[in-house]
N, C-alpha and C. Protein backbone atom coordinates (compact mmCIF):
# COMPACT_ATOMS: atom_id res chain seq x y z
N UNK A 1 5.36 77.16 -31.15
CA UNK A 1 4.08 77.68 -30.18
C UNK A 1 2.78 77.05 -30.40
N UNK A 2 2.44 76.48 -29.50
CA UNK A 2 1.04 75.96 -29.87
C UNK A 2 0.13 76.35 -28.86
N UNK A 3 -1.15 76.33 -29.16
CA UNK A 3 -2.27 76.57 -28.15
C UNK A 3 -3.31 75.64 -28.34
N UNK A 4 -3.90 75.05 -27.13
CA UNK A 4 -4.94 74.08 -27.19
C UNK A 4 -6.10 74.52 -26.30
N UNK A 5 -7.25 73.91 -26.52
CA UNK A 5 -8.30 74.10 -25.81
C UNK A 5 -8.40 72.71 -25.20
N UNK A 6 -8.78 73.07 -23.57
CA UNK A 6 -8.92 71.48 -23.04
C UNK A 6 -10.28 71.86 -22.33
N UNK A 7 -11.03 70.59 -22.27
CA UNK A 7 -12.29 70.74 -21.47
C UNK A 7 -11.85 71.41 -20.06
N UNK A 8 -13.08 71.82 -19.69
CA UNK A 8 -12.79 72.69 -18.14
C UNK A 8 -12.17 71.46 -17.00
N UNK A 9 -12.93 70.42 -17.16
CA UNK A 9 -12.54 69.47 -16.09
C UNK A 9 -11.24 69.18 -16.33
N UNK A 10 -10.71 68.94 -17.55
CA UNK A 10 -9.10 68.65 -17.66
C UNK A 10 -8.27 69.91 -17.19
N UNK A 11 -8.67 71.14 -17.54
CA UNK A 11 -8.01 72.18 -17.09
C UNK A 11 -7.96 72.23 -15.42
N UNK A 12 -9.08 71.94 -14.84
CA UNK A 12 -8.94 72.09 -13.45
C UNK A 12 -8.01 71.02 -12.93
N UNK A 13 -8.05 69.83 -13.38
CA UNK A 13 -7.20 68.66 -12.99
C UNK A 13 -5.52 69.14 -13.36
N UNK A 14 -5.51 69.75 -14.04
CA UNK A 14 -4.23 69.96 -14.50
C UNK A 14 -3.73 71.20 -13.86
N UNK A 15 -4.37 72.39 -13.33
CA UNK A 15 -4.19 73.25 -12.48
C UNK A 15 -3.77 72.65 -11.23
N UNK A 16 -4.86 71.73 -10.57
CA UNK A 16 -4.71 71.45 -9.26
C UNK A 16 -3.29 70.43 -9.21
N UNK A 17 -2.93 69.69 -10.03
CA UNK A 17 -1.59 68.99 -10.22
C UNK A 17 -0.37 69.98 -10.14
N UNK A 18 -0.73 71.02 -10.90
CA UNK A 18 0.51 71.84 -10.85
C UNK A 18 0.73 72.35 -9.65
N UNK A 19 -0.43 72.66 -9.09
CA UNK A 19 -0.34 73.63 -7.74
C UNK A 19 0.24 72.73 -6.67
N UNK A 20 -0.26 71.50 -6.55
CA UNK A 20 0.24 70.41 -5.61
C UNK A 20 1.94 69.99 -5.84
N UNK A 21 2.23 70.08 -7.07
CA UNK A 21 3.63 69.68 -7.15
C UNK A 21 4.63 70.72 -7.62
N UNK A 22 4.16 71.93 -7.63
CA UNK A 22 4.93 73.27 -7.74
C UNK A 22 5.56 73.08 -9.07
N UNK A 23 5.12 72.51 -10.29
CA UNK A 23 5.29 72.45 -11.35
C UNK A 23 4.52 73.37 -12.48
N UNK A 24 4.75 73.48 -13.53
CA UNK A 24 4.04 74.51 -14.50
C UNK A 24 2.88 73.39 -15.26
N UNK A 25 1.53 73.99 -15.50
CA UNK A 25 0.71 73.24 -16.46
C UNK A 25 1.49 72.88 -17.86
N UNK A 26 2.37 73.89 -18.10
CA UNK A 26 2.93 73.44 -19.59
C UNK A 26 3.68 72.25 -19.49
N UNK A 27 4.56 72.09 -18.32
CA UNK A 27 5.33 71.05 -17.93
C UNK A 27 4.58 69.72 -18.32
N UNK A 28 3.54 69.49 -17.40
CA UNK A 28 2.76 68.48 -17.61
C UNK A 28 2.04 68.09 -18.85
N UNK A 29 1.78 69.03 -19.80
CA UNK A 29 1.30 68.91 -21.00
C UNK A 29 2.24 68.47 -21.95
N UNK A 30 3.61 69.48 -21.84
CA UNK A 30 4.57 68.62 -22.80
C UNK A 30 5.09 67.32 -22.63
N UNK A 31 5.05 67.03 -21.24
CA UNK A 31 5.40 65.53 -20.78
C UNK A 31 4.36 64.69 -21.30
N UNK A 32 3.11 64.95 -21.39
CA UNK A 32 2.13 64.05 -21.94
C UNK A 32 2.32 64.02 -23.33
N UNK A 33 2.33 64.95 -24.05
CA UNK A 33 2.48 64.95 -25.31
C UNK A 33 3.73 64.04 -25.86
N UNK A 34 4.80 64.24 -25.28
CA UNK A 34 5.87 63.87 -25.69
C UNK A 34 5.94 62.08 -25.47
N UNK A 35 5.11 61.84 -24.23
CA UNK A 35 4.91 60.34 -24.26
C UNK A 35 3.84 59.62 -25.15
N UNK A 36 2.87 60.60 -25.27
CA UNK A 36 1.98 60.08 -26.42
C UNK A 36 2.60 59.90 -27.57
N UNK A 37 3.21 60.83 -27.86
CA UNK A 37 4.00 60.62 -29.41
C UNK A 37 5.03 59.51 -29.55
N UNK A 38 5.79 59.49 -28.22
CA UNK A 38 6.51 58.28 -28.44
C UNK A 38 5.55 56.95 -28.77
N UNK A 39 4.69 56.96 -28.08
CA UNK A 39 4.01 55.53 -28.30
C UNK A 39 3.34 55.31 -29.64
N UNK A 40 2.70 56.42 -30.04
CA UNK A 40 2.26 56.87 -31.83
C UNK A 40 3.45 56.30 -32.50
N UNK A 41 4.68 56.81 -32.56
CA UNK A 41 5.91 56.66 -33.41
C UNK A 41 6.09 55.28 -33.09
N UNK A 42 5.95 54.39 -32.15
CA UNK A 42 6.27 53.12 -31.88
C UNK A 42 4.97 52.31 -32.61
N UNK A 43 4.05 52.57 -32.65
CA UNK A 43 2.86 52.03 -33.14
C UNK A 43 2.84 52.07 -34.59
N UNK A 44 3.20 53.17 -34.98
CA UNK A 44 3.34 53.41 -36.47
C UNK A 44 4.27 52.51 -37.32
N UNK A 45 5.52 52.67 -36.52
CA UNK A 45 6.69 51.83 -37.00
C UNK A 45 6.65 50.21 -36.95
N UNK A 46 5.74 49.82 -35.82
CA UNK A 46 5.35 48.36 -35.84
C UNK A 46 4.40 47.96 -37.01
N UNK A 47 3.52 48.89 -36.99
CA UNK A 47 2.48 48.55 -38.23
C UNK A 47 3.14 48.67 -39.37
N UNK A 48 4.08 49.36 -39.74
CA UNK A 48 4.67 49.29 -41.09
C UNK A 48 5.82 48.15 -41.26
N UNK A 49 6.29 47.75 -40.18
CA UNK A 49 7.40 46.37 -40.10
C UNK A 49 6.31 45.23 -40.44
N UNK A 50 5.14 45.44 -39.92
CA UNK A 50 4.08 44.06 -40.07
C UNK A 50 3.93 44.00 -41.47
N UNK A 51 3.55 45.20 -42.00
CA UNK A 51 3.14 45.25 -43.28
C UNK A 51 4.17 44.77 -44.25
N UNK A 52 5.45 45.08 -43.82
CA UNK A 52 6.68 44.57 -44.71
C UNK A 52 6.80 43.04 -44.58
N UNK A 53 6.49 42.72 -43.47
CA UNK A 53 6.47 41.25 -43.09
C UNK A 53 5.43 40.39 -43.97
N UNK A 54 4.37 40.76 -43.67
CA UNK A 54 3.36 40.10 -44.45
C UNK A 54 3.59 40.25 -46.04
N UNK A 55 3.93 41.12 -46.35
CA UNK A 55 4.20 41.34 -48.21
C UNK A 55 5.64 40.61 -48.52
N UNK A 56 6.31 40.18 -47.52
CA UNK A 56 7.41 39.23 -48.01
C UNK A 56 8.75 40.24 -48.13
N UNK A 57 8.79 41.63 -47.84
CA UNK A 57 9.79 42.51 -48.23
C UNK A 57 10.75 42.34 -46.83
N UNK A 58 10.27 42.11 -45.68
CA UNK A 58 11.07 41.95 -44.53
C UNK A 58 11.22 40.49 -43.95
N UNK A 59 12.57 39.96 -43.94
CA UNK A 59 12.74 38.62 -43.58
C UNK A 59 12.45 38.43 -41.92
N UNK A 60 11.96 37.16 -41.63
CA UNK A 60 11.86 36.86 -40.46
C UNK A 60 12.57 35.53 -39.93
N UNK A 61 12.78 35.56 -38.59
CA UNK A 61 13.80 34.38 -38.10
C UNK A 61 12.71 33.71 -37.18
N UNK A 62 12.85 32.20 -36.99
CA UNK A 62 11.81 31.51 -36.18
C UNK A 62 12.46 31.61 -34.79
N UNK A 63 11.65 31.80 -33.88
CA UNK A 63 12.10 31.87 -32.27
C UNK A 63 13.12 30.85 -31.97
N UNK A 64 12.92 29.76 -32.68
CA UNK A 64 13.66 28.30 -32.19
C UNK A 64 15.15 28.83 -32.91
N UNK A 65 15.23 29.42 -33.99
CA UNK A 65 16.64 29.67 -34.49
C UNK A 65 17.29 30.60 -33.81
N UNK A 66 16.45 31.63 -33.18
CA UNK A 66 17.11 32.78 -32.44
C UNK A 66 17.67 32.30 -30.93
N UNK A 67 16.83 31.52 -30.34
CA UNK A 67 17.29 30.90 -29.15
C UNK A 67 18.38 30.11 -29.30
N UNK A 68 18.54 29.26 -30.50
CA UNK A 68 20.04 28.49 -30.74
C UNK A 68 20.91 29.29 -31.04
N UNK A 69 20.89 30.50 -31.82
CA UNK A 69 21.90 31.43 -31.89
C UNK A 69 22.26 32.17 -30.88
N UNK A 70 21.64 32.28 -29.76
CA UNK A 70 22.12 32.99 -28.69
C UNK A 70 22.10 32.01 -27.47
N UNK A 71 22.41 30.77 -27.49
CA UNK A 71 22.47 29.75 -26.68
C UNK A 71 21.42 29.74 -25.66
N UNK A 72 20.16 29.79 -26.03
CA UNK A 72 18.79 30.06 -25.12
C UNK A 72 18.03 28.69 -25.32
N UNK A 73 18.66 27.70 -26.21
CA UNK A 73 17.69 26.71 -26.48
C UNK A 73 17.63 25.83 -25.35
N UNK A 74 16.76 24.97 -25.08
CA UNK A 74 16.18 24.31 -24.07
C UNK A 74 16.85 23.00 -23.90
């Protein structure tokens, strides 16, 4: 269970959207959080991978080599 306070303008927009679509405010808040959470997780995973690459812990492959490996060379 989670309770949040929203600015009145956001609450009104959410209520209007819910009314117009026949869905609940909870539905839209849940969807927004899940989408944002996915984006945050992707960002943090990418940042960690970049740190490992920069520190030499994570190997890299040249684009040219990848293209050759998969028959995409020009």
